[in-house]
Amino acid sequence: MSRIKYHYNTRTLKYEPYKESLGRKLLRLVFGLATGMVFATAVLLIAYRYLDSPKEKQLKREISFQELQLMTLSHKIQNLEAVLQDLEERDNVVYRAIFAAEPIPNEVRQAGVGGMDRYAQLKGYPLSDLLSEVSEKTDRLSRRLYIQSRSLDEIWQLARQKQEMLRSIPAIVPLALNELKYMASGFGERIDPIYKTRKFHAGMDFVATTGTPVYATGDGKVLSAESETSGYGNCVRIQHGFGYSTLYAHLSAIKVREGKKVKRGDLIGLVGSTGKSVGPHLHYEVHIKGKAVNPINFYYSDLSPEEHSQLLKASQSQGQALD
C-alpha cells in the first residue's frame, strides 16, 4: 500500500491529500537521471585525470625505463667522447707529427651533421628532447670516429711509405769493412790520376782486392748493369725510389741484371779496375733527385761512431783519386 502524501491548502487552511501528476513524476525522474549522469561524469573525469588505469601504469613504467636507458646511453656517449678526444689529441700531436702530416683542424673534427630539421621527426613524443639530444650526440660521435678512422688509415699509409723509404735509403758501406784496404779518395775536388788536374770527384773510392763482393746499399731496382764508355767501366746503377739512386763503378764482374729488384746487402758485383781506373777499387756515388751528394753522410746503419769518424777523416784527403 502506497503512502499517502499531504500538502497544506492555504485557501482552506487544511491538510489535504496530495496526488502527484504523471508529468511531474516524469520531470522529477528526468532531473534525477540528469543529476546522476553529471555526478558520474564528474567522477569519471576525476578518475581519468588523477587515477591511472593498469594499461596507463604499464605505459608509464615503460616510458620511465626508456628514459633511464636514454640517460644511461647519453652518459656512455660522454665517456666515449672523452676517450675519442684523447685519441684525437695524440693523433694530431704525436702520430701525425711523426710522419710530418698536417694536424686535422678541430673545426673539421667537431663539424655538425645536419640542419635544424634533422631531428624534427623526433618532436611530439614523451621523451623528444632527450631523444633528440642523444641522437645528435650519437651522430657527432659517429662523424668524429669516421674522421679519426680516415686519419689512422692515412697514418698507416705514411708509416708503410716511411718503412719503405727507410729500407730504400742507401745507408750502409757498399763492401765489408774487413775487406777494405783503405779509403783512396772522398767526395769533392781531387786530382785526376790520368790528367793530373783538379776536378770534382762525385763519389768515394774504396780500395780492395779484385773480386771483393760489392753490395747494394739500399732496397731498389737495377736501373742499368753494363760496361759504360764514360770511364766507369763495368757499372751498376740502382734506382731506390724517393729520389735516391746509387752508382757502383769499375767492377770486375756484374752479378745482377737490369730490372732486377734488390734488397740492401744483396750482392751486385765484384771489385775491379775496369774503365778509367789506375787500380782495383770501387767508385761509389749517391744521388738525390739526380744530384750527387757526399756518401759519407749515409753510413748510419752499419758503422760505429769510431768507424764513421775514421772513414770521414780518410774521405777528406785532398790527394789523388783512382779514377
C-alpha atoms as a PDB file:
ATOM      1  CA  MET A   1       0.000   0.000   0.000  1.00  0.00           C
ATOM      2  CA  SER A   2       1.487   3.308  -1.053  1.00  0.00           C
ATOM      3  CA  ARG A   3       1.965   6.061   1.450  1.00  0.00           C
ATOM      4  CA  ILE A   4      -0.497   8.952   1.255  1.00  0.00           C
ATOM      5  CA  LYS A   5       1.131  12.356   0.921  1.00  0.00           C
ATOM      6  CA  TYR A   6      -0.470  15.536   2.231  1.00  0.00           C
ATOM      7  CA  HIS A   7       0.031  19.187   1.495  1.00  0.00           C
ATOM      8  CA  TYR A   8      -1.302  22.340   3.259  1.00  0.00           C
ATOM      9  CA  ASN A   9      -4.005  24.183   1.356  1.00  0.00           C
ATOM     10  CA  THR A  10      -3.658  27.873   2.066  1.00  0.00           C
ATOM     11  CA  ARG A  11      -7.179  28.578   0.887  1.00  0.00           C
ATOM     12  CA  THR A  12      -8.960  26.099   3.106  1.00  0.00           C
ATOM     13  CA  LEU A  13      -6.313  26.222   5.799  1.00  0.00           C
ATOM     14  CA  LYS A  14      -6.341  22.410   5.953  1.00  0.00           C
ATOM     15  CA  TYR A  15      -4.022  19.492   5.170  1.00  0.00           C
ATOM     16  CA  GLU A  16      -5.416  17.693   2.225  1.00  0.00           C
ATOM     17  CA  PRO A  17      -4.274  14.502   0.423  1.00  0.00           C
ATOM     18  CA  TYR A  18      -1.766  15.270  -2.364  1.00  0.00           C
ATOM     19  CA  LYS A  19      -1.687  13.315  -5.579  1.00  0.00           C
ATOM     20  CA  GLU A  20       1.378  13.973  -7.879  1.00  0.00           C
ATOM     21  CA  SER A  21       0.654  14.281 -11.565  1.00  0.00           C
ATOM     22  CA  LEU A  22       2.286  11.999 -14.121  1.00  0.00           C
ATOM     23  CA  GLY A  23       4.136  14.895 -15.793  1.00  0.00           C
ATOM     24  CA  ARG A  24       5.660  15.992 -12.522  1.00  0.00           C
ATOM     25  CA  LYS A  25       6.747  12.454 -11.814  1.00  0.00           C
ATOM     26  CA  LEU A  26       8.434  12.285 -15.200  1.00  0.00           C
ATOM     27  CA  LEU A  27      10.085  15.656 -14.657  1.00  0.00           C
ATOM     28  CA  ARG A  28      11.441  14.555 -11.290  1.00  0.00           C
ATOM     29  CA  LEU A  29      12.741  11.320 -12.842  1.00  0.00           C
ATOM     30  CA  VAL A  30      14.496  13.170 -15.634  1.00  0.00           C
ATOM     31  CA  PHE A  31      16.045  15.587 -13.155  1.00  0.00           C
ATOM     32  CA  GLY A  32      17.302  12.708 -11.050  1.00  0.00           C
ATOM     33  CA  LEU A  33      18.779  10.934 -14.009  1.00  0.00           C
ATOM     34  CA  ALA A  34      20.488  14.121 -15.224  1.00  0.00           C
ATOM     35  CA  THR A  35      21.938  14.771 -11.788  1.00  0.00           C
ATOM     36  CA  GLY A  36      23.219  11.217 -11.646  1.00  0.00           C
ATOM     37  CA  MET A  37      24.817  11.467 -15.078  1.00  0.00           C
ATOM     38  CA  VAL A  38      26.516  14.747 -14.173  1.00  0.00           C
ATOM     39  CA  PHE A  39      27.850  13.248 -10.971  1.00  0.00           C
ATOM     40  CA  ALA A  40      29.004  10.099 -12.760  1.00  0.00           C
ATOM     41  CA  THR A  41      30.726  12.159 -15.476  1.00  0.00           C
ATOM     42  CA  ALA A  42      32.494  14.239 -12.830  1.00  0.00           C
ATOM     43  CA  VAL A  43      33.666  11.089 -11.081  1.00  0.00           C
ATOM     44  CA  LEU A  44      34.931   9.625 -14.368  1.00  0.00           C
ATOM     45  CA  LEU A  45      36.782  12.828 -15.262  1.00  0.00           C
ATOM     46  CA  ILE A  46      38.453  12.941 -11.861  1.00  0.00           C
ATOM     47  CA  ALA A  47      39.373   9.282 -12.120  1.00  0.00           C
ATOM     48  CA  TYR A  48      40.696   9.722 -15.662  1.00  0.00           C
ATOM     49  CA  ARG A  49      42.758  12.740 -14.622  1.00  0.00           C
ATOM     50  CA  TYR A  50      44.192  11.533 -11.343  1.00  0.00           C
ATOM     51  CA  LEU A  51      43.883   7.751 -11.387  1.00  0.00           C
ATOM     52  CA  ASP A  52      45.785   5.554 -13.889  1.00  0.00           C
ATOM     53  CA  SER A  53      44.389   2.502 -15.490  1.00  0.00           C
ATOM     54  CA  PRO A  54      46.525  -0.696 -15.436  1.00  0.00           C
ATOM     55  CA  LYS A  55      47.424  -0.103 -19.074  1.00  0.00           C
ATOM     56  CA  GLU A  56      48.452   3.516 -18.375  1.00  0.00           C
ATOM     57  CA  LYS A  57      50.529   2.391 -15.426  1.00  0.00           C
ATOM     58  CA  GLN A  58      52.300  -0.121 -17.674  1.00  0.00           C
ATOM     59  CA  LEU A  59      52.954   2.537 -20.334  1.00  0.00           C
ATOM     60  CA  LYS A  60      54.332   4.968 -17.751  1.00  0.00           C
ATOM     61  CA  ARG A  61      56.662   2.275 -16.415  1.00  0.00           C
ATOM     62  CA  GLU A  62      57.882   1.622 -19.962  1.00  0.00           C
ATOM     63  CA  ILE A  63      58.454   5.342 -20.589  1.00  0.00           C
ATOM     64  CA  SER A  64      60.392   5.659 -17.320  1.00  0.00           C
ATOM     65  CA  PHE A  65      62.535   2.665 -18.277  1.00  0.00           C
ATOM     66  CA  GLN A  66      63.212   4.119 -21.738  1.00  0.00           C
ATOM     67  CA  GLU A  67      64.145   7.462 -20.148  1.00  0.00           C
ATOM     68  CA  LEU A  68      66.602   5.672 -17.870  1.00  0.00           C
ATOM     69  CA  GLN A  69      68.089   3.840 -20.852  1.00  0.00           C
ATOM     70  CA  LEU A  70      68.473   7.085 -22.830  1.00  0.00           C
ATOM     71  CA  MET A  71      70.131   8.830 -19.886  1.00  0.00           C
ATOM     72  CA  THR A  72      72.496   5.861 -19.454  1.00  0.00           C
ATOM     73  CA  LEU A  73      73.282   5.920 -23.182  1.00  0.00           C
ATOM     74  CA  SER A  74      73.928   9.668 -23.032  1.00  0.00           C
ATOM     75  CA  HIS A  75      76.387   9.136 -20.158  1.00  0.00           C
ATOM     76  CA  LYS A  76      78.181   6.365 -22.093  1.00  0.00           C
ATOM     77  CA  ILE A  77      78.443   8.627 -25.136  1.00  0.00           C
ATOM     78  CA  GLN A  78      80.063  11.310 -22.962  1.00  0.00           C
ATOM     79  CA  ASN A  79      82.646   8.771 -21.769  1.00  0.00           C
ATOM     80  CA  LEU A  80      83.339   7.688 -25.352  1.00  0.00           C
ATOM     81  CA  GLU A  81      83.717  11.327 -26.401  1.00  0.00           C
ATOM     82  CA  ALA A  82      86.339  11.826 -23.674  1.00  0.00           C
ATOM     83  CA  VAL A  83      88.287   8.763 -24.882  1.00  0.00           C
ATOM     84  CA  LEU A  84      87.983   9.878 -28.503  1.00  0.00           C
ATOM     85  CA  GLN A  85      89.148  13.403 -27.641  1.00  0.00           C
ATOM     86  CA  ASP A  86      92.303  11.972 -26.050  1.00  0.00           C
ATOM     87  CA  LEU A  87      92.913   9.861 -29.161  1.00  0.00           C
ATOM     88  CA  GLU A  88      92.358  12.887 -31.425  1.00  0.00           C
ATOM     89  CA  GLU A  89      94.888  14.937 -29.455  1.00  0.00           C
ATOM     90  CA  ARG A  90      97.502  12.170 -29.651  1.00  0.00           C
ATOM     91  CA  ASP A  91      96.711  11.742 -33.330  1.00  0.00           C
ATOM     92  CA  ASN A  92      97.439  15.422 -34.027  1.00  0.00           C
ATOM     93  CA  VAL A  93     100.318  15.991 -31.622  1.00  0.00           C
ATOM     94  CA  VAL A  94     102.134  12.637 -31.846  1.00  0.00           C
ATOM     95  CA  TYR A  95     101.114  10.336 -34.683  1.00  0.00           C
ATOM     96  CA  ARG A  96     100.675  12.893 -37.447  1.00  0.00           C
ATOM     97  CA  ALA A  97     103.697  14.878 -36.230  1.00  0.00           C
ATOM     98  CA  ILE A  98     105.954  11.812 -36.508  1.00  0.00           C
ATOM     99  CA  PHE A  99     105.148  11.437 -40.186  1.00  0.00           C
ATOM    100  CA  ALA A 100     105.120  15.185 -40.928  1.00  0.00           C
ATOM    101  CA  ALA A 101     101.380  15.202 -41.672  1.00  0.00           C
ATOM    102  CA  GLU A 102      99.309  18.318 -41.049  1.00  0.00           C
ATOM    103  CA  PRO A 103      97.059  18.061 -37.958  1.00  0.00           C
ATOM    104  CA  ILE A 104      93.318  17.857 -38.597  1.00  0.00           C
ATOM    105  CA  PRO A 105      91.688  21.184 -37.557  1.00  0.00           C
ATOM    106  CA  ASN A 106      89.313  20.998 -34.606  1.00  0.00           C
ATOM    107  CA  GLU A 107      86.512  22.618 -36.626  1.00  0.00           C
ATOM    108  CA  VAL A 108      86.711  19.704 -39.068  1.00  0.00           C
ATOM    109  CA  ARG A 109      86.605  17.093 -36.308  1.00  0.00           C
ATOM    110  CA  GLN A 110      83.730  18.868 -34.497  1.00  0.00           C
ATOM    111  CA  ALA A 111      81.718  19.764 -37.612  1.00  0.00           C
ATOM    112  CA  GLY A 112      77.935  19.424 -37.446  1.00  0.00           C
ATOM    113  CA  VAL A 113      75.987  16.624 -39.071  1.00  0.00           C
ATOM    114  CA  GLY A 114      72.943  18.420 -40.469  1.00  0.00           C
ATOM    115  CA  GLY A 115      70.490  21.286 -40.165  1.00  0.00           C
ATOM    116  CA  MET A 116      67.895  22.094 -37.518  1.00  0.00           C
ATOM    117  CA  ASP A 117      65.252  19.891 -39.191  1.00  0.00           C
ATOM    118  CA  ARG A 118      67.371  16.765 -38.935  1.00  0.00           C
ATOM    119  CA  TYR A 119      65.644  15.734 -35.697  1.00  0.00           C
ATOM    120  CA  ALA A 120      62.234  17.284 -36.382  1.00  0.00           C
ATOM    121  CA  GLN A 121      60.655  13.824 -36.724  1.00  0.00           C
ATOM    122  CA  LEU A 122      61.515  13.150 -33.077  1.00  0.00           C
ATOM    123  CA  LYS A 123      59.382  16.036 -31.780  1.00  0.00           C
ATOM    124  CA  GLY A 124      55.996  15.456 -30.133  1.00  0.00           C
ATOM    125  CA  TYR A 125      56.898  12.355 -28.110  1.00  0.00           C
ATOM    126  CA  PRO A 126      57.157  11.979 -24.313  1.00  0.00           C
ATOM    127  CA  LEU A 127      60.993  11.933 -24.433  1.00  0.00           C
ATOM    128  CA  SER A 128      61.511  14.138 -27.508  1.00  0.00           C
ATOM    129  CA  ASP A 129      64.150  16.462 -26.024  1.00  0.00           C
ATOM    130  CA  LEU A 130      66.239  13.662 -24.524  1.00  0.00           C
ATOM    131  CA  LEU A 131      65.865  11.529 -27.651  1.00  0.00           C
ATOM    132  CA  SER A 132      66.977  14.434 -29.886  1.00  0.00           C
ATOM    133  CA  GLU A 133      69.965  15.141 -27.637  1.00  0.00           C
ATOM    134  CA  VAL A 134      71.127  11.506 -27.649  1.00  0.00           C
ATOM    135  CA  SER A 135      70.611  11.230 -31.426  1.00  0.00           C
ATOM    136  CA  GLU A 136      72.668  14.363 -32.053  1.00  0.00           C
ATOM    137  CA  LYS A 137      75.468  13.171 -29.747  1.00  0.00           C
ATOM    138  CA  THR A 138      75.491   9.783 -31.491  1.00  0.00           C
ATOM    139  CA  ASP A 139      75.684  11.397 -34.931  1.00  0.00           C
ATOM    140  CA  ARG A 140      78.537  13.689 -33.875  1.00  0.00           C
ATOM    141  CA  LEU A 141      80.421  10.799 -32.301  1.00  0.00           C
ATOM    142  CA  SER A 142      79.961   8.710 -35.449  1.00  0.00           C
ATOM    143  CA  ARG A 143      81.328  11.535 -37.625  1.00  0.00           C
ATOM    144  CA  ARG A 144      84.322  12.095 -35.350  1.00  0.00           C
ATOM    145  CA  LEU A 145      85.053   8.358 -35.339  1.00  0.00           C
ATOM    146  CA  TYR A 146      84.863   8.306 -39.144  1.00  0.00           C
ATOM    147  CA  ILE A 147      87.319  11.220 -39.417  1.00  0.00           C
ATOM    148  CA  GLN A 148      89.654   9.575 -36.900  1.00  0.00           C
ATOM    149  CA  SER A 149      89.454   6.282 -38.786  1.00  0.00           C
ATOM    150  CA  ARG A 150      90.403   8.034 -42.039  1.00  0.00           C
ATOM    151  CA  SER A 151      93.283   9.750 -40.238  1.00  0.00           C
ATOM    152  CA  LEU A 152      94.606   6.417 -38.954  1.00  0.00           C
ATOM    153  CA  ASP A 153      94.325   4.983 -42.470  1.00  0.00           C
ATOM    154  CA  GLU A 154      96.420   7.902 -43.723  1.00  0.00           C
ATOM    155  CA  ILE A 155      98.980   7.424 -40.951  1.00  0.00           C
ATOM    156  CA  TRP A 156      99.166   3.696 -41.760  1.00  0.00           C
ATOM    157  CA  GLN A 157      99.953   4.519 -45.372  1.00  0.00           C
ATOM    158  CA  LEU A 158     102.546   7.084 -44.275  1.00  0.00           C
ATOM    159  CA  ALA A 159     104.082   4.513 -41.928  1.00  0.00           C
ATOM    160  CA  ARG A 160     104.288   1.957 -44.724  1.00  0.00           C
ATOM    161  CA  GLN A 161     105.882   4.542 -47.007  1.00  0.00           C
ATOM    162  CA  LYS A 162     108.243   5.595 -44.220  1.00  0.00           C
ATOM    163  CA  GLN A 163     109.273   1.985 -43.651  1.00  0.00           C
ATOM    164  CA  GLU A 164     109.776   1.503 -47.370  1.00  0.00           C
ATOM    165  CA  MET A 165     111.737   4.742 -47.564  1.00  0.00           C
ATOM    166  CA  LEU A 166     113.984   3.730 -44.641  1.00  0.00           C
ATOM    167  CA  ARG A 167     114.747   0.451 -46.419  1.00  0.00           C
ATOM    168  CA  SER A 168     115.442   2.314 -49.666  1.00  0.00           C
ATOM    169  CA  ILE A 169     117.863   4.913 -48.321  1.00  0.00           C
ATOM    170  CA  PRO A 170     121.477   3.880 -49.185  1.00  0.00           C
ATOM    171  CA  ALA A 171     122.545   3.519 -45.563  1.00  0.00           C
ATOM    172  CA  ILE A 172     125.476   1.047 -45.498  1.00  0.00           C
ATOM    173  CA  VAL A 173     129.043   0.876 -46.812  1.00  0.00           C
ATOM    174  CA  PRO A 174     128.949  -0.973 -50.178  1.00  0.00           C
ATOM    175  CA  LEU A 175     131.571  -3.556 -49.136  1.00  0.00           C
ATOM    176  CA  ALA A 176     132.554  -5.307 -45.926  1.00  0.00           C
ATOM    177  CA  LEU A 177     134.865  -3.204 -43.743  1.00  0.00           C
ATOM    178  CA  ASN A 178     137.205  -6.163 -43.152  1.00  0.00           C
ATOM    179  CA  GLU A 179     137.694  -6.336 -46.941  1.00  0.00           C
ATOM    180  CA  LEU A 180     138.542  -2.638 -47.196  1.00  0.00           C
ATOM    181  CA  LYS A 181     142.239  -1.819 -47.503  1.00  0.00           C
ATOM    182  CA  TYR A 182     141.882   1.933 -47.250  1.00  0.00           C
ATOM    183  CA  MET A 183     139.930   4.940 -48.474  1.00  0.00           C
ATOM    184  CA  ALA A 184     141.693   6.347 -51.516  1.00  0.00           C
ATOM    185  CA  SER A 185     139.572   9.393 -52.153  1.00  0.00           C
ATOM    186  CA  GLY A 186     136.399  11.080 -50.987  1.00  0.00           C
ATOM    187  CA  PHE A 187     133.770  13.458 -52.285  1.00  0.00           C
ATOM    188  CA  GLY A 188     134.885  16.857 -53.605  1.00  0.00           C
ATOM    189  CA  GLU A 189     137.781  18.417 -55.526  1.00  0.00           C
ATOM    190  CA  ARG A 190     140.509  15.822 -56.203  1.00  0.00           C
ATOM    191  CA  ILE A 191     143.493  15.333 -58.547  1.00  0.00           C
ATOM    192  CA  ASP A 192     142.707  13.333 -61.680  1.00  0.00           C
ATOM    193  CA  PRO A 193     145.035  10.255 -61.836  1.00  0.00           C
ATOM    194  CA  ILE A 194     145.431  10.498 -65.632  1.00  0.00           C
ATOM    195  CA  TYR A 195     145.438  14.203 -66.405  1.00  0.00           C
ATOM    196  CA  LYS A 196     146.891  15.366 -63.040  1.00  0.00           C
ATOM    197  CA  THR A 197     144.437  18.279 -62.902  1.00  0.00           C
ATOM    198  CA  ARG A 198     141.960  19.095 -60.170  1.00  0.00           C
ATOM    199  CA  LYS A 199     138.387  18.127 -60.896  1.00  0.00           C
ATOM    200  CA  PHE A 200     135.217  17.335 -58.991  1.00  0.00           C
ATOM    201  CA  HIS A 201     135.086  13.761 -57.656  1.00  0.00           C
ATOM    202  CA  ALA A 202     131.395  12.795 -57.315  1.00  0.00           C
ATOM    203  CA  GLY A 203     131.831   9.773 -55.025  1.00  0.00           C
ATOM    204  CA  MET A 204     134.106   7.769 -52.756  1.00  0.00           C
ATOM    205  CA  ASP A 205     136.861   5.318 -53.775  1.00  0.00           C
ATOM    206  CA  PHE A 206     137.126   2.138 -51.664  1.00  0.00           C
ATOM    207  CA  VAL A 207     140.383   0.252 -52.280  1.00  0.00           C
ATOM    208  CA  ALA A 208     140.014  -3.530 -52.039  1.00  0.00           C
ATOM    209  CA  THR A 209     141.309  -6.680 -53.694  1.00  0.00           C
ATOM    210  CA  THR A 210     139.924  -7.549 -57.122  1.00  0.00           C
ATOM    211  CA  GLY A 211     136.945  -9.858 -56.653  1.00  0.00           C
ATOM    212  CA  THR A 212     135.853  -8.394 -53.313  1.00  0.00           C
ATOM    213  CA  PRO A 213     131.997  -8.556 -53.081  1.00  0.00           C
ATOM    214  CA  VAL A 214     130.096  -5.306 -53.610  1.00  0.00           C
ATOM    215  CA  TYR A 215     126.655  -4.949 -52.018  1.00  0.00           C
ATOM    216  CA  ALA A 216     123.557  -2.849 -52.703  1.00  0.00           C
ATOM    217  CA  THR A 217     123.323  -0.164 -50.028  1.00  0.00           C
ATOM    218  CA  GLY A 218     119.519   0.061 -50.071  1.00  0.00           C
ATOM    219  CA  ASP A 219     116.412  -1.611 -51.496  1.00  0.00           C
ATOM    220  CA  GLY A 220     115.715  -0.724 -55.089  1.00  0.00           C
ATOM    221  CA  LYS A 221     115.641  -1.738 -58.727  1.00  0.00           C
ATOM    222  CA  VAL A 222     118.649  -2.114 -61.022  1.00  0.00           C
ATOM    223  CA  LEU A 223     118.450   0.745 -63.496  1.00  0.00           C
ATOM    224  CA  SER A 224     121.417  -0.453 -65.573  1.00  0.00           C
ATOM    225  CA  ALA A 225     124.098  -3.141 -65.322  1.00  0.00           C
ATOM    226  CA  GLU A 226     126.606  -2.845 -68.163  1.00  0.00           C
ATOM    227  CA  SER A 227     130.003  -1.684 -69.327  1.00  0.00           C
ATOM    228  CA  GLU A 228     129.896   2.074 -69.847  1.00  0.00           C
ATOM    229  CA  THR A 229     132.074   4.185 -72.167  1.00  0.00           C
ATOM    230  CA  SER A 230     132.006   7.122 -69.770  1.00  0.00           C
ATOM    231  CA  GLY A 231     135.068   5.824 -67.895  1.00  0.00           C
ATOM    232  CA  TYR A 232     133.107   3.939 -65.224  1.00  0.00           C
ATOM    233  CA  GLY A 233     133.808   0.568 -66.873  1.00  0.00           C
ATOM    234  CA  ASN A 234     131.558  -2.191 -65.618  1.00  0.00           C
ATOM    235  CA  CYS A 235     128.949  -0.221 -63.733  1.00  0.00           C
ATOM    236  CA  VAL A 236     125.708  -0.892 -61.852  1.00  0.00           C
ATOM    237  CA  ARG A 237     123.141   1.850 -61.235  1.00  0.00           C
ATOM    238  CA  ILE A 238     120.292   1.272 -58.749  1.00  0.00           C
ATOM    239  CA  GLN A 239     117.110   3.337 -58.505  1.00  0.00           C
ATOM    240  CA  HIS A 240     115.946   3.265 -54.871  1.00  0.00           C
ATOM    241  CA  GLY A 241     112.913   5.491 -55.130  1.00  0.00           C
ATOM    242  CA  PHE A 242     112.059   8.539 -53.031  1.00  0.00           C
ATOM    243  CA  GLY A 243     114.609  10.467 -55.103  1.00  0.00           C
ATOM    244  CA  TYR A 244     117.585   8.219 -54.213  1.00  0.00           C
ATOM    245  CA  SER A 245     119.901   6.384 -56.628  1.00  0.00           C
ATOM    246  CA  THR A 246     123.395   4.873 -56.325  1.00  0.00           C
ATOM    247  CA  LEU A 247     126.250   4.027 -58.705  1.00  0.00           C
ATOM    248  CA  TYR A 248     128.923   1.288 -58.382  1.00  0.00           C
ATOM    249  CA  ALA A 249     131.769   1.575 -60.918  1.00  0.00           C
ATOM    250  CA  HIS A 250     134.954  -0.191 -62.155  1.00  0.00           C
ATOM    251  CA  LEU A 251     133.590  -3.664 -61.275  1.00  0.00           C
ATOM    252  CA  SER A 252     135.455  -6.754 -62.423  1.00  0.00           C
ATOM    253  CA  ALA A 253     132.141  -8.609 -62.700  1.00  0.00           C
ATOM    254  CA  ILE A 254     128.443  -7.684 -62.583  1.00  0.00           C
ATOM    255  CA  LYS A 255     126.181 -10.035 -60.617  1.00  0.00           C
ATOM    256  CA  VAL A 256     122.761  -8.508 -61.384  1.00  0.00           C
ATOM    257  CA  ARG A 257     120.795  -7.700 -64.497  1.00  0.00           C
ATOM    258  CA  GLU A 258     118.825  -4.624 -65.488  1.00  0.00           C
ATOM    259  CA  GLY A 259     115.334  -4.505 -63.966  1.00  0.00           C
ATOM    260  CA  LYS A 260     116.145  -6.838 -61.054  1.00  0.00           C
ATOM    261  CA  LYS A 261     114.808  -5.847 -57.640  1.00  0.00           C
ATOM    262  CA  VAL A 262     117.454  -5.914 -54.931  1.00  0.00           C
ATOM    263  CA  LYS A 263     117.487  -5.650 -51.163  1.00  0.00           C
ATOM    264  CA  ARG A 264     120.012  -3.832 -49.023  1.00  0.00           C
ATOM    265  CA  GLY A 265     123.011  -6.130 -48.647  1.00  0.00           C
ATOM    266  CA  ASP A 266     122.400  -8.129 -51.858  1.00  0.00           C
ATOM    267  CA  LEU A 267     125.496  -8.971 -53.927  1.00  0.00           C
ATOM    268  CA  ILE A 268     125.538  -6.881 -57.106  1.00  0.00           C
ATOM    269  CA  GLY A 269     129.154  -7.151 -58.325  1.00  0.00           C
ATOM    270  CA  LEU A 270     132.862  -7.627 -57.601  1.00  0.00           C
ATOM    271  CA  VAL A 271     135.580  -5.020 -57.103  1.00  0.00           C
ATOM    272  CA  GLY A 272     137.756  -4.456 -60.186  1.00  0.00           C
ATOM    273  CA  SER A 273     139.657  -1.858 -62.196  1.00  0.00           C
ATOM    274  CA  THR A 274     137.690  -1.585 -65.441  1.00  0.00           C
ATOM    275  CA  GLY A 275     137.201   1.683 -67.275  1.00  0.00           C
ATOM    276  CA  LYS A 276     139.240   4.758 -66.391  1.00  0.00           C
ATOM    277  CA  SER A 277     140.936   3.350 -63.298  1.00  0.00           C
ATOM    278  CA  VAL A 278     144.518   3.060 -62.078  1.00  0.00           C
ATOM    279  CA  GLY A 279     143.990   0.268 -59.552  1.00  0.00           C
ATOM    280  CA  PRO A 280     141.420  -2.144 -58.091  1.00  0.00           C
ATOM    281  CA  HIS A 281     138.809  -0.173 -56.208  1.00  0.00           C
ATOM    282  CA  LEU A 282     135.082   0.580 -56.011  1.00  0.00           C
ATOM    283  CA  HIS A 283     133.917   4.019 -57.050  1.00  0.00           C
ATOM    284  CA  TYR A 284     130.631   4.633 -55.228  1.00  0.00           C
ATOM    285  CA  GLU A 285     128.175   7.527 -55.679  1.00  0.00           C
ATOM    286  CA  VAL A 286     124.898   8.573 -54.050  1.00  0.00           C
ATOM    287  CA  HIS A 287     122.430  10.813 -55.897  1.00  0.00           C
ATOM    288  CA  ILE A 288     119.350  12.617 -54.617  1.00  0.00           C
ATOM    289  CA  LYS A 289     116.978  13.730 -57.367  1.00  0.00           C
ATOM    290  CA  GLY A 290     119.798  13.413 -59.861  1.00  0.00           C
ATOM    291  CA  LYS A 291     122.332  15.444 -57.885  1.00  0.00           C
ATOM    292  CA  ALA A 292     125.461  13.787 -56.478  1.00  0.00           C
ATOM    293  CA  VAL A 293     125.804  14.112 -52.690  1.00  0.00           C
ATOM    294  CA  ASN A 294     128.521  13.047 -50.266  1.00  0.00           C
ATOM    295  CA  PRO A 295     128.037   9.317 -49.454  1.00  0.00           C
ATOM    296  CA  ILE A 296     129.773   9.758 -46.090  1.00  0.00           C
ATOM    297  CA  ASN A 297     126.503  11.217 -44.711  1.00  0.00           C
ATOM    298  CA  PHE A 298     124.600   7.959 -45.253  1.00  0.00           C
ATOM    299  CA  TYR A 299     126.602   5.298 -43.404  1.00  0.00           C
ATOM    300  CA  TYR A 300     124.454   5.192 -40.295  1.00  0.00           C
ATOM    301  CA  SER A 301     123.235   1.567 -40.373  1.00  0.00           C
ATOM    302  CA  ASP A 302     126.458  -0.425 -40.061  1.00  0.00           C
ATOM    303  CA  LEU A 303     129.211   1.844 -38.701  1.00  0.00           C
ATOM    304  CA  SER A 304     130.069   2.607 -35.104  1.00  0.00           C
ATOM    305  CA  PRO A 305     130.809   6.260 -34.272  1.00  0.00           C
ATOM    306  CA  GLU A 306     134.544   5.445 -34.227  1.00  0.00           C
ATOM    307  CA  GLU A 307     134.429   3.702 -37.615  1.00  0.00           C
ATOM    308  CA  HIS A 308     132.424   6.535 -39.119  1.00  0.00           C
ATOM    309  CA  SER A 309     134.909   9.080 -37.762  1.00  0.00           C
ATOM    310  CA  GLN A 310     137.845   7.192 -39.293  1.00  0.00           C
ATOM    311  CA  LEU A 311     136.088   6.858 -42.652  1.00  0.00           C
ATOM    312  CA  LEU A 312     135.166  10.536 -42.613  1.00  0.00           C
ATOM    313  CA  LYS A 313     138.768  11.545 -41.920  1.00  0.00           C
ATOM    314  CA  ALA A 314     140.068   9.326 -44.754  1.00  0.00           C
ATOM    315  CA  SER A 315     137.460  10.653 -47.188  1.00  0.00           C
ATOM    316  CA  GLN A 316     138.560  14.226 -46.587  1.00  0.00           C
ATOM    317  CA  SER A 317     142.020  13.586 -48.044  1.00  0.00           C
ATOM    318  CA  GLN A 318     142.761  16.075 -50.825  1.00  0.00           C
ATOM    319  CA  GLY A 319     145.098  13.668 -52.667  1.00  0.00           C
ATOM    320  CA  GLN A 320     144.766  11.888 -55.971  1.00  0.00           C
ATOM    321  CA  ALA A 321     141.689   9.922 -56.927  1.00  0.00           C
ATOM    322  CA  LEU A 322     141.906   6.451 -58.506  1.00  0.00           C
ATOM    323  CA  ASP A 323     139.563   7.261 -61.398  1.00  0.00           C
END
